[in-house]
Amino acid sequence: MSNLAYARPRTLPEPEQQHPRHIEVVATREQRKRRPRVVYAVTTVASLFVIFAAQLLLSIVVSDGAFQISSLQGEQKELLRTQDNLTEKLDLFASTQYLAANAAHLGMVPGANPLFLDLQTGAIAAAPGSVDRPGCGGTCNLVANSLLTGVPLVDATTPAAGSAPGTVASTTPPASLPPATVDALPAPVTH
């Protein structure tokens, strides 16, 4: 006996007898439920497109808002410059030098002896050194304002800014004022 094994020759069936093999995958219901379906894939792809479109629209809106903010900041800078310019003009027209020059131009003169009222004692006193020198018109002690060079003074023939158009501000007091008392301080006329 020998340790060698002999193989039998295999006989091939004849071609006529050979049937074509048909492979069919058979899946159970559980396997079919587990399979990804086309609906899920389409839903996922559509969701991605919706997310990308929403992100694109949001970035467009944000960039548009940034341009609007930039233009509004430029407009704000311009308005602040205008406000600063108008504030400077207001300060110029409210300066003591401008008011004194306009008062002198309109014919007003400062009081020769200004008096002050002490509210605690009720005494009336003159301030030391407050007597105006003749010919100054109240502007002797004022420092000249170089910004007022070329600024026109108020004209007496033009109406006051607070009065109605077409009317001239009245400078005469009304006739129905009570007579002034000798020892009292003058009060402004109000309506």
N, C-alpha and C. Protein backbone atom coordinates (compact mmCIF):
# COMPACT_ATOMS: atom_id res chain seq x y z
N MET A 1 0.78 -1.15 0.00
CA MET A 1 0.00 0.00 0.00
C MET A 1 0.84 1.23 0.00
N SER A 2 0.30 2.15 -0.67
CA SER A 2 1.07 3.38 -0.81
C SER A 2 0.29 4.53 -0.19
N ASN A 3 1.01 5.54 0.15
CA ASN A 3 0.40 6.70 0.78
C ASN A 3 -0.12 7.70 -0.25
N LEU A 4 -0.05 7.41 -1.40
CA LEU A 4 -0.48 8.32 -2.43
C LEU A 4 -1.94 8.12 -2.73
N ALA A 5 -2.57 9.23 -2.90
CA ALA A 5 -3.99 9.14 -3.23
C ALA A 5 -4.13 9.41 -4.71
N TYR A 6 -5.01 8.73 -5.24
CA TYR A 6 -5.25 8.88 -6.67
C TYR A 6 -6.56 9.61 -6.85
N ALA A 7 -6.56 10.53 -7.74
CA ALA A 7 -7.78 11.28 -8.03
C ALA A 7 -8.43 10.65 -9.24
N ARG A 8 -9.70 10.59 -9.12
CA ARG A 8 -10.43 10.08 -10.25
C ARG A 8 -10.60 11.18 -11.26
N PRO A 9 -10.52 10.83 -12.42
CA PRO A 9 -10.74 11.87 -13.43
C PRO A 9 -12.19 12.32 -13.40
N ARG A 10 -12.33 13.59 -13.49
CA ARG A 10 -13.67 14.18 -13.44
C ARG A 10 -14.26 14.18 -14.82
N THR A 11 -15.42 13.79 -14.85
CA THR A 11 -16.09 13.76 -16.14
C THR A 11 -16.97 14.97 -16.24
N LEU A 12 -16.83 15.71 -17.26
CA LEU A 12 -17.63 16.89 -17.49
C LEU A 12 -18.90 16.51 -18.20
N PRO A 13 -19.97 17.12 -17.77
CA PRO A 13 -21.21 16.81 -18.48
C PRO A 13 -21.15 17.38 -19.88
N GLU A 14 -21.89 16.89 -20.62
CA GLU A 14 -21.91 17.34 -22.00
C GLU A 14 -22.59 18.70 -22.06
N PRO A 15 -22.21 19.53 -23.02
CA PRO A 15 -22.75 20.88 -23.07
C PRO A 15 -24.25 20.92 -23.20
N GLU A 16 -24.83 19.98 -23.75
CA GLU A 16 -26.28 19.99 -23.88
C GLU A 16 -26.94 19.80 -22.55
N GLN A 17 -26.31 19.05 -21.73
CA GLN A 17 -26.92 18.77 -20.46
C GLN A 17 -26.68 19.90 -19.44
N GLN A 18 -25.76 20.75 -19.69
CA GLN A 18 -25.43 21.82 -18.76
C GLN A 18 -26.50 22.91 -18.83
N HIS A 19 -27.11 23.23 -17.70
CA HIS A 19 -28.15 24.27 -17.61
C HIS A 19 -27.50 25.56 -17.13
N PRO A 20 -27.89 26.66 -17.72
CA PRO A 20 -27.32 27.92 -17.23
C PRO A 20 -27.81 28.20 -15.80
N ARG A 21 -26.90 28.60 -15.01
CA ARG A 21 -27.26 28.85 -13.62
C ARG A 21 -27.79 30.28 -13.48
N HIS A 22 -28.83 30.40 -12.76
CA HIS A 22 -29.46 31.70 -12.49
C HIS A 22 -29.35 31.97 -11.00
N ILE A 23 -28.65 33.08 -10.66
CA ILE A 23 -28.46 33.40 -9.26
C ILE A 23 -29.53 34.40 -8.85
N GLU A 24 -30.19 34.15 -7.79
CA GLU A 24 -31.27 35.00 -7.30
C GLU A 24 -31.01 35.25 -5.81
N VAL A 25 -31.04 36.54 -5.47
CA VAL A 25 -30.85 36.91 -4.07
C VAL A 25 -32.20 36.89 -3.41
N VAL A 26 -32.28 36.16 -2.40
CA VAL A 26 -33.53 36.07 -1.66
C VAL A 26 -33.31 36.76 -0.32
N ALA A 27 -34.15 37.79 -0.06
CA ALA A 27 -34.01 38.56 1.18
C ALA A 27 -35.28 38.40 2.00
N THR A 28 -35.09 38.38 3.24
CA THR A 28 -36.25 38.28 4.12
C THR A 28 -36.85 39.68 4.31
N ARG A 29 -37.98 39.75 4.97
CA ARG A 29 -38.64 41.05 5.19
C ARG A 29 -37.78 41.96 6.05
N GLU A 30 -37.14 41.43 7.04
CA GLU A 30 -36.29 42.26 7.90
C GLU A 30 -35.13 42.84 7.11
N GLN A 31 -34.56 42.04 6.21
CA GLN A 31 -33.46 42.54 5.40
C GLN A 31 -33.94 43.63 4.44
N ARG A 32 -35.14 43.49 3.92
CA ARG A 32 -35.68 44.51 3.01
C ARG A 32 -35.96 45.81 3.77
N LYS A 33 -36.43 45.74 5.01
CA LYS A 33 -36.71 46.93 5.80
C LYS A 33 -35.41 47.66 6.15
N ARG A 34 -34.34 46.93 6.32
CA ARG A 34 -33.07 47.53 6.69
C ARG A 34 -32.37 48.20 5.51
N ARG A 35 -32.72 47.87 4.33
CA ARG A 35 -32.05 48.44 3.15
C ARG A 35 -32.36 49.92 3.01
N PRO A 36 -31.35 50.75 2.64
CA PRO A 36 -31.65 52.16 2.38
C PRO A 36 -32.52 52.28 1.14
N ARG A 37 -33.44 53.20 1.23
CA ARG A 37 -34.33 53.37 0.08
C ARG A 37 -33.96 54.65 -0.65
N VAL A 38 -34.44 54.78 -1.83
CA VAL A 38 -34.16 55.94 -2.66
C VAL A 38 -34.77 57.20 -2.05
N VAL A 39 -35.89 57.06 -1.39
CA VAL A 39 -36.56 58.21 -0.79
C VAL A 39 -35.64 58.87 0.24
N TYR A 40 -34.97 58.07 1.03
CA TYR A 40 -34.06 58.63 2.03
C TYR A 40 -32.90 59.37 1.38
N ALA A 41 -32.37 58.82 0.35
CA ALA A 41 -31.24 59.46 -0.35
C ALA A 41 -31.69 60.78 -0.97
N VAL A 42 -32.84 60.77 -1.62
CA VAL A 42 -33.35 62.00 -2.23
C VAL A 42 -33.64 63.05 -1.16
N THR A 43 -34.20 62.64 -0.04
CA THR A 43 -34.49 63.56 1.06
C THR A 43 -33.20 64.16 1.61
N THR A 44 -32.18 63.35 1.76
CA THR A 44 -30.90 63.84 2.28
C THR A 44 -30.27 64.85 1.32
N VAL A 45 -30.26 64.54 0.03
CA VAL A 45 -29.67 65.45 -0.95
C VAL A 45 -30.48 66.74 -1.03
N ALA A 46 -31.79 66.65 -1.01
CA ALA A 46 -32.64 67.85 -1.06
C ALA A 46 -32.43 68.70 0.20
N SER A 47 -32.29 68.05 1.36
CA SER A 47 -32.04 68.78 2.60
C SER A 47 -30.71 69.53 2.53
N LEU A 48 -29.69 68.90 1.97
CA LEU A 48 -28.40 69.58 1.81
C LEU A 48 -28.52 70.80 0.91
N PHE A 49 -29.25 70.68 -0.19
CA PHE A 49 -29.44 71.82 -1.09
C PHE A 49 -30.21 72.94 -0.39
N VAL A 50 -31.21 72.60 0.41
CA VAL A 50 -31.97 73.61 1.13
C VAL A 50 -31.06 74.32 2.15
N ILE A 51 -30.22 73.56 2.84
CA ILE A 51 -29.30 74.16 3.81
C ILE A 51 -28.31 75.08 3.12
N PHE A 52 -27.75 74.65 1.99
CA PHE A 52 -26.80 75.50 1.25
C PHE A 52 -27.48 76.77 0.73
N ALA A 53 -28.71 76.64 0.24
CA ALA A 53 -29.43 77.82 -0.26
C ALA A 53 -29.74 78.78 0.89
N ALA A 54 -30.14 78.23 2.05
CA ALA A 54 -30.41 79.10 3.20
C ALA A 54 -29.14 79.81 3.66
N GLN A 55 -28.03 79.10 3.67
CA GLN A 55 -26.76 79.72 4.06
C GLN A 55 -26.37 80.82 3.07
N LEU A 56 -26.58 80.58 1.80
CA LEU A 56 -26.26 81.59 0.78
C LEU A 56 -27.14 82.83 0.96
N LEU A 57 -28.43 82.62 1.19
CA LEU A 57 -29.34 83.76 1.40
C LEU A 57 -28.97 84.54 2.67
N LEU A 58 -28.62 83.83 3.72
CA LEU A 58 -28.22 84.51 4.95
C LEU A 58 -26.95 85.32 4.76
N SER A 59 -25.99 84.79 4.03
CA SER A 59 -24.76 85.54 3.80
C SER A 59 -25.02 86.77 2.93
N ILE A 60 -25.95 86.66 1.99
CA ILE A 60 -26.31 87.82 1.16
C ILE A 60 -26.97 88.90 2.03
N VAL A 61 -27.87 88.48 2.92
CA VAL A 61 -28.57 89.43 3.78
C VAL A 61 -27.57 90.10 4.74
N VAL A 62 -26.64 89.32 5.29
CA VAL A 62 -25.66 89.86 6.23
C VAL A 62 -24.74 90.85 5.51
N SER A 63 -24.30 90.51 4.31
CA SER A 63 -23.42 91.44 3.59
C SER A 63 -24.17 92.71 3.19
N ASP A 64 -25.45 92.59 2.83
CA ASP A 64 -26.25 93.77 2.53
C ASP A 64 -26.40 94.65 3.77
N GLY A 65 -26.61 94.02 4.92
CA GLY A 65 -26.70 94.77 6.17
C GLY A 65 -25.38 95.46 6.50
N ALA A 66 -24.26 94.82 6.18
CA ALA A 66 -22.95 95.44 6.42
C ALA A 66 -22.78 96.68 5.55
N PHE A 67 -23.23 96.61 4.30
CA PHE A 67 -23.13 97.78 3.42
C PHE A 67 -24.03 98.91 3.93
N GLN A 68 -25.21 98.56 4.42
CA GLN A 68 -26.11 99.58 4.96
C GLN A 68 -25.51 100.23 6.21
N ILE A 69 -24.91 99.41 7.07
CA ILE A 69 -24.27 99.95 8.27
C ILE A 69 -23.14 100.89 7.89
N SER A 70 -22.36 100.49 6.90
CA SER A 70 -21.24 101.33 6.46
C SER A 70 -21.74 102.67 5.92
N SER A 71 -22.79 102.65 5.12
CA SER A 71 -23.31 103.92 4.59
C SER A 71 -23.93 104.77 5.69
N LEU A 72 -24.60 104.15 6.65
CA LEU A 72 -25.19 104.91 7.76
C LEU A 72 -24.10 105.49 8.67
N GLN A 73 -22.99 104.77 8.83
CA GLN A 73 -21.89 105.32 9.63
C GLN A 73 -21.27 106.52 8.93
N GLY A 74 -21.15 106.47 7.61
CA GLY A 74 -20.66 107.63 6.86
C GLY A 74 -21.60 108.82 6.99
N GLU A 75 -22.90 108.54 6.91
CA GLU A 75 -23.89 109.61 7.07
C GLU A 75 -23.84 110.18 8.49
N GLN A 76 -23.63 109.31 9.48
CA GLN A 76 -23.54 109.77 10.86
C GLN A 76 -22.31 110.67 11.05
N LYS A 77 -21.18 110.31 10.44
CA LYS A 77 -19.99 111.15 10.53
C LYS A 77 -20.25 112.52 9.93
N GLU A 78 -20.93 112.55 8.79
CA GLU A 78 -21.23 113.83 8.14
C GLU A 78 -22.17 114.67 9.01
N LEU A 79 -23.17 114.02 9.62
CA LEU A 79 -24.09 114.76 10.49
C LEU A 79 -23.38 115.26 11.75
N LEU A 80 -22.45 114.48 12.28
CA LEU A 80 -21.69 114.94 13.44
C LEU A 80 -20.82 116.15 13.09
N ARG A 81 -20.24 116.13 11.89
CA ARG A 81 -19.45 117.29 11.45
C ARG A 81 -20.34 118.53 11.33
N THR A 82 -21.53 118.35 10.75
CA THR A 82 -22.47 119.46 10.62
C THR A 82 -22.89 119.96 12.01
N GLN A 83 -23.14 119.03 12.93
CA GLN A 83 -23.53 119.43 14.28
C GLN A 83 -22.40 120.21 14.95
N ASP A 84 -21.16 119.74 14.80
CA ASP A 84 -20.03 120.46 15.39
C ASP A 84 -19.89 121.86 14.79
N ASN A 85 -20.10 121.97 13.48
CA ASN A 85 -20.02 123.28 12.82
C ASN A 85 -21.10 124.22 13.35
N LEU A 86 -22.32 123.71 13.47
CA LEU A 86 -23.41 124.54 13.98
C LEU A 86 -23.21 124.90 15.45
N THR A 87 -22.65 123.98 16.22
CA THR A 87 -22.38 124.27 17.63
C THR A 87 -21.33 125.37 17.76
N GLU A 88 -20.31 125.33 16.90
CA GLU A 88 -19.30 126.38 16.92
C GLU A 88 -19.91 127.74 16.57
N LYS A 89 -20.80 127.75 15.56
CA LYS A 89 -21.46 129.02 15.20
C LYS A 89 -22.33 129.52 16.34
N LEU A 90 -23.04 128.60 17.00
CA LEU A 90 -23.89 128.98 18.12
C LEU A 90 -23.05 129.55 19.26
N ASP A 91 -21.92 128.91 19.54
CA ASP A 91 -21.02 129.43 20.58
C ASP A 91 -20.49 130.82 20.19
N LEU A 92 -20.21 131.00 18.92
CA LEU A 92 -19.72 132.31 18.46
C LEU A 92 -20.79 133.38 18.64
N PHE A 93 -22.03 133.08 18.26
CA PHE A 93 -23.10 134.06 18.37
C PHE A 93 -23.54 134.27 19.82
N ALA A 94 -23.23 133.33 20.70
CA ALA A 94 -23.58 133.48 22.11
C ALA A 94 -22.45 134.07 22.93
N SER A 95 -21.34 134.40 22.28
CA SER A 95 -20.20 134.93 23.03
C SER A 95 -20.52 136.32 23.57
N THR A 96 -19.87 136.65 24.64
CA THR A 96 -20.07 137.95 25.28
C THR A 96 -19.69 139.10 24.35
N GLN A 97 -18.62 138.92 23.58
CA GLN A 97 -18.17 139.98 22.68
C GLN A 97 -19.22 140.26 21.61
N TYR A 98 -19.81 139.19 21.04
CA TYR A 98 -20.81 139.37 19.99
C TYR A 98 -22.06 140.05 20.55
N LEU A 99 -22.48 139.60 21.73
CA LEU A 99 -23.67 140.20 22.34
C LEU A 99 -23.43 141.67 22.68
N ALA A 100 -22.25 141.99 23.20
CA ALA A 100 -21.95 143.38 23.55
C ALA A 100 -21.86 144.25 22.29
N ALA A 101 -21.25 143.73 21.23
CA ALA A 101 -21.15 144.51 19.99
C ALA A 101 -22.52 144.74 19.39
N ASN A 102 -23.39 143.73 19.41
CA ASN A 102 -24.74 143.90 18.88
C ASN A 102 -25.55 144.87 19.74
N ALA A 103 -25.40 144.79 21.05
CA ALA A 103 -26.13 145.72 21.92
C ALA A 103 -25.69 147.15 21.66
N ALA A 104 -24.38 147.36 21.50
CA ALA A 104 -23.89 148.72 21.22
C ALA A 104 -24.36 149.18 19.85
N HIS A 105 -24.42 148.27 18.88
CA HIS A 105 -24.88 148.61 17.53
C HIS A 105 -26.36 149.00 17.53
N LEU A 106 -27.14 148.39 18.40
CA LEU A 106 -28.57 148.70 18.49
C LEU A 106 -28.85 149.92 19.36
N GLY A 107 -27.80 150.51 19.93
CA GLY A 107 -27.99 151.72 20.72
C GLY A 107 -28.09 151.48 22.21
N MET A 108 -27.86 150.31 22.67
CA MET A 108 -27.93 150.02 24.10
C MET A 108 -26.61 150.43 24.75
N VAL A 109 -26.72 150.90 25.97
CA VAL A 109 -25.53 151.28 26.73
C VAL A 109 -25.61 150.58 28.07
N PRO A 110 -24.47 150.20 28.60
CA PRO A 110 -24.51 149.56 29.93
C PRO A 110 -24.84 150.58 31.00
N GLY A 111 -25.39 150.10 32.08
CA GLY A 111 -25.69 150.99 33.20
C GLY A 111 -24.41 151.56 33.76
N ALA A 112 -24.44 152.86 34.12
CA ALA A 112 -23.24 153.51 34.64
C ALA A 112 -22.86 152.94 35.99
N ASN A 113 -23.81 152.64 36.79
CA ASN A 113 -23.55 152.09 38.12
C ASN A 113 -24.40 150.83 38.31
N PRO A 114 -23.89 149.67 37.90
CA PRO A 114 -24.69 148.46 38.10
C PRO A 114 -24.83 148.14 39.59
N LEU A 115 -26.01 147.77 39.99
CA LEU A 115 -26.29 147.47 41.38
C LEU A 115 -26.60 145.98 41.51
N PHE A 116 -26.28 145.46 42.69
CA PHE A 116 -26.50 144.05 42.96
C PHE A 116 -27.30 143.90 44.24
N LEU A 117 -28.12 142.88 44.30
CA LEU A 117 -28.97 142.63 45.46
C LEU A 117 -28.38 141.48 46.25
N ASP A 118 -28.17 141.68 47.55
CA ASP A 118 -27.72 140.62 48.44
C ASP A 118 -28.97 139.93 48.94
N LEU A 119 -29.18 138.69 48.58
CA LEU A 119 -30.42 137.99 48.91
C LEU A 119 -30.53 137.66 50.39
N GLN A 120 -29.42 137.54 51.09
CA GLN A 120 -29.49 137.21 52.51
C GLN A 120 -29.90 138.41 53.35
N THR A 121 -29.34 139.57 53.03
CA THR A 121 -29.63 140.76 53.84
C THR A 121 -30.66 141.68 53.19
N GLY A 122 -30.85 141.55 51.88
CA GLY A 122 -31.77 142.42 51.18
C GLY A 122 -31.17 143.76 50.85
N ALA A 123 -29.87 143.91 51.04
CA ALA A 123 -29.20 145.18 50.79
C ALA A 123 -28.82 145.29 49.32
N ILE A 124 -28.84 146.50 48.82
CA ILE A 124 -28.44 146.79 47.44
C ILE A 124 -27.08 147.43 47.48
N ALA A 125 -26.13 146.90 46.69
CA ALA A 125 -24.77 147.44 46.72
C ALA A 125 -24.21 147.45 45.31
N ALA A 126 -23.25 148.34 45.10
CA ALA A 126 -22.55 148.41 43.82
C ALA A 126 -21.29 147.57 43.92
N ALA A 127 -20.94 146.88 42.85
CA ALA A 127 -19.73 146.07 42.84
C ALA A 127 -18.53 146.98 42.72
N PRO A 128 -17.47 146.71 43.46
CA PRO A 128 -16.29 147.59 43.35
C PRO A 128 -15.66 147.48 41.97
N GLY A 129 -15.33 148.61 41.40
CA GLY A 129 -14.69 148.67 40.08
C GLY A 129 -15.63 148.37 38.94
N SER A 130 -16.92 148.41 39.19
CA SER A 130 -17.87 148.08 38.13
C SER A 130 -18.35 149.28 37.34
N VAL A 131 -17.86 150.42 37.66
CA VAL A 131 -18.27 151.62 36.94
C VAL A 131 -17.66 151.59 35.55
N ASP A 132 -18.47 151.82 34.55
CA ASP A 132 -18.02 151.76 33.15
C ASP A 132 -17.33 153.06 32.77
N ARG A 133 -16.26 152.93 32.04
CA ARG A 133 -15.57 154.13 31.56
C ARG A 133 -16.37 154.74 30.42
N PRO A 134 -16.42 156.02 30.32
CA PRO A 134 -17.20 156.65 29.25
C PRO A 134 -16.63 156.32 27.88
N GLY A 135 -17.53 156.07 26.94
CA GLY A 135 -17.14 155.83 25.55
C GLY A 135 -16.84 154.39 25.22
N CYS A 136 -16.90 153.51 26.21
CA CYS A 136 -16.59 152.09 25.95
C CYS A 136 -17.81 151.36 25.40
N GLY A 137 -18.97 151.73 25.84
CA GLY A 137 -20.17 151.02 25.40
C GLY A 137 -20.26 149.62 25.99
N GLY A 138 -19.60 149.40 27.12
CA GLY A 138 -19.67 148.11 27.79
C GLY A 138 -18.68 147.10 27.28
N THR A 139 -17.82 147.47 26.35
CA THR A 139 -16.88 146.51 25.77
C THR A 139 -15.44 146.77 26.17
N CYS A 140 -15.20 147.62 27.14
CA CYS A 140 -13.83 147.97 27.51
C CYS A 140 -13.08 146.79 28.12
N ASN A 141 -13.73 146.01 28.96
CA ASN A 141 -13.06 144.92 29.65
C ASN A 141 -13.11 143.60 28.88
N LEU A 142 -13.68 143.59 27.71
CA LEU A 142 -13.81 142.35 26.94
C LEU A 142 -12.59 142.12 26.08
N VAL A 143 -12.16 140.86 26.00
CA VAL A 143 -11.06 140.48 25.12
C VAL A 143 -11.64 140.34 23.71
N ALA A 144 -10.94 140.86 22.74
CA ALA A 144 -11.44 140.80 21.35
C ALA A 144 -11.53 139.36 20.88
N ASN A 145 -12.56 139.05 20.13
CA ASN A 145 -12.77 137.72 19.59
C ASN A 145 -12.45 137.77 18.11
N SER A 146 -11.36 137.12 17.71
CA SER A 146 -10.94 137.17 16.30
C SER A 146 -11.89 136.41 15.39
N LEU A 147 -12.70 135.52 15.94
CA LEU A 147 -13.65 134.78 15.11
C LEU A 147 -14.80 135.66 14.65
N LEU A 148 -15.00 136.79 15.30
CA LEU A 148 -16.10 137.68 14.93
C LEU A 148 -15.75 138.61 13.78
N THR A 149 -14.54 138.54 13.27
CA THR A 149 -14.14 139.39 12.15
C THR A 149 -14.96 139.02 10.93
N GLY A 150 -15.68 139.96 10.40
CA GLY A 150 -16.50 139.73 9.21
C GLY A 150 -17.90 139.22 9.49
N VAL A 151 -18.24 138.97 10.74
CA VAL A 151 -19.58 138.51 11.08
C VAL A 151 -20.47 139.73 11.18
N PRO A 152 -21.59 139.75 10.43
CA PRO A 152 -22.44 140.95 10.46
C PRO A 152 -23.18 141.08 11.79
N LEU A 153 -23.44 142.32 12.16
CA LEU A 153 -24.18 142.59 13.38
C LEU A 153 -25.67 142.58 13.08
N VAL A 154 -26.47 142.50 14.13
CA VAL A 154 -27.91 142.48 14.00
C VAL A 154 -28.39 143.85 13.53
N ASP A 155 -29.35 143.83 12.61
CA ASP A 155 -29.91 145.08 12.09
C ASP A 155 -31.22 145.35 12.82
N ALA A 156 -31.42 146.59 13.25
CA ALA A 156 -32.61 146.94 14.01
C ALA A 156 -33.88 146.87 13.16
N THR A 157 -33.76 146.93 11.84
CA THR A 157 -34.95 146.94 10.99
C THR A 157 -35.45 145.53 10.68
N THR A 158 -34.65 144.51 10.93
CA THR A 158 -35.10 143.15 10.65
C THR A 158 -35.90 142.64 11.83
N PRO A 159 -36.90 141.80 11.58
CA PRO A 159 -37.72 141.29 12.69
C PRO A 159 -36.91 140.32 13.55
N ALA A 160 -37.33 140.20 14.79
CA ALA A 160 -36.65 139.28 15.72
C ALA A 160 -36.89 137.85 15.26
N ALA A 161 -35.99 136.98 15.63
CA ALA A 161 -36.08 135.58 15.18
C ALA A 161 -37.30 134.89 15.75
N GLY A 162 -37.74 135.26 16.92
CA GLY A 162 -38.88 134.58 17.55
C GLY A 162 -40.22 135.16 17.14
N SER A 163 -40.25 136.29 16.45
CA SER A 163 -41.53 136.89 16.09
C SER A 163 -42.05 136.29 14.79
N ALA A 164 -43.32 136.55 14.56
CA ALA A 164 -43.95 136.02 13.35
C ALA A 164 -43.42 136.75 12.12
N PRO A 165 -43.39 136.09 10.96
CA PRO A 165 -42.90 136.77 9.75
C PRO A 165 -43.78 137.96 9.41
N GLY A 166 -43.11 139.03 9.04
CA GLY A 166 -43.84 140.22 8.61
C GLY A 166 -44.11 141.20 9.73
N THR A 167 -43.79 140.82 10.98
CA THR A 167 -44.00 141.75 12.09
C THR A 167 -42.65 142.20 12.61
N VAL A 168 -42.61 143.40 13.13
CA VAL A 168 -41.38 143.95 13.68
C VAL A 168 -41.50 143.89 15.20
N ALA A 169 -40.41 143.49 15.84
CA ALA A 169 -40.42 143.37 17.29
C ALA A 169 -40.64 144.76 17.92
N SER A 170 -41.52 144.83 18.86
CA SER A 170 -41.84 146.11 19.50
C SER A 170 -40.82 146.41 20.58
N THR A 171 -40.33 147.66 20.60
CA THR A 171 -39.36 148.06 21.61
C THR A 171 -39.99 148.97 22.64
N THR A 172 -41.24 149.39 22.45
CA THR A 172 -41.89 150.27 23.41
C THR A 172 -42.71 149.41 24.36
N PRO A 173 -42.66 149.72 25.65
CA PRO A 173 -43.43 148.92 26.60
C PRO A 173 -44.91 149.23 26.47
N PRO A 174 -45.76 148.29 26.80
CA PRO A 174 -47.21 148.54 26.72
C PRO A 174 -47.63 149.61 27.74
N ALA A 175 -48.71 150.29 27.46
CA ALA A 175 -49.17 151.41 28.28
C ALA A 175 -49.79 150.95 29.59
N SER A 176 -50.15 149.71 29.74
CA SER A 176 -50.87 149.26 30.92
C SER A 176 -49.93 148.80 32.04
N LEU A 177 -48.68 149.21 32.03
CA LEU A 177 -47.76 148.82 33.09
C LEU A 177 -48.02 149.64 34.34
N PRO A 178 -47.89 149.02 35.50
CA PRO A 178 -48.05 149.80 36.74
C PRO A 178 -46.83 150.68 36.95
N PRO A 179 -46.98 151.77 37.66
CA PRO A 179 -45.82 152.65 37.89
C PRO A 179 -44.79 151.93 38.75
N ALA A 180 -43.52 152.21 38.46
CA ALA A 180 -42.43 151.57 39.19
C ALA A 180 -42.27 152.21 40.55
N THR A 181 -42.02 151.41 41.56
CA THR A 181 -41.76 151.94 42.89
C THR A 181 -40.30 152.31 43.01
N VAL A 182 -40.00 153.18 43.91
CA VAL A 182 -38.65 153.74 44.02
C VAL A 182 -37.67 152.73 44.61
N ASP A 183 -38.05 151.99 45.64
CA ASP A 183 -37.13 151.11 46.33
C ASP A 183 -37.21 149.65 45.87
N ALA A 184 -37.72 149.37 44.71
CA ALA A 184 -37.86 148.00 44.23
C ALA A 184 -36.95 147.75 43.02
N LEU A 185 -36.63 146.51 42.83
CA LEU A 185 -35.84 146.14 41.65
C LEU A 185 -36.75 146.06 40.44
N PRO A 186 -36.29 146.52 39.29
CA PRO A 186 -37.15 146.43 38.10
C PRO A 186 -37.29 144.97 37.67
N ALA A 187 -38.46 144.60 37.25
CA ALA A 187 -38.72 143.24 36.79
C ALA A 187 -38.96 143.26 35.29
N PRO A 188 -38.59 142.22 34.61
CA PRO A 188 -38.82 142.19 33.15
C PRO A 188 -40.31 142.08 32.84
N VAL A 189 -40.69 142.64 31.70
CA VAL A 189 -42.07 142.58 31.27
C VAL A 189 -42.29 141.22 30.62
N THR A 190 -43.26 140.47 31.13
CA THR A 190 -43.58 139.17 30.56
C THR A 190 -45.02 139.12 30.16
N HIS A 191 -45.33 138.24 29.27
CA HIS A 191 -46.72 138.11 28.81
C HIS A 191 -47.22 136.74 29.13
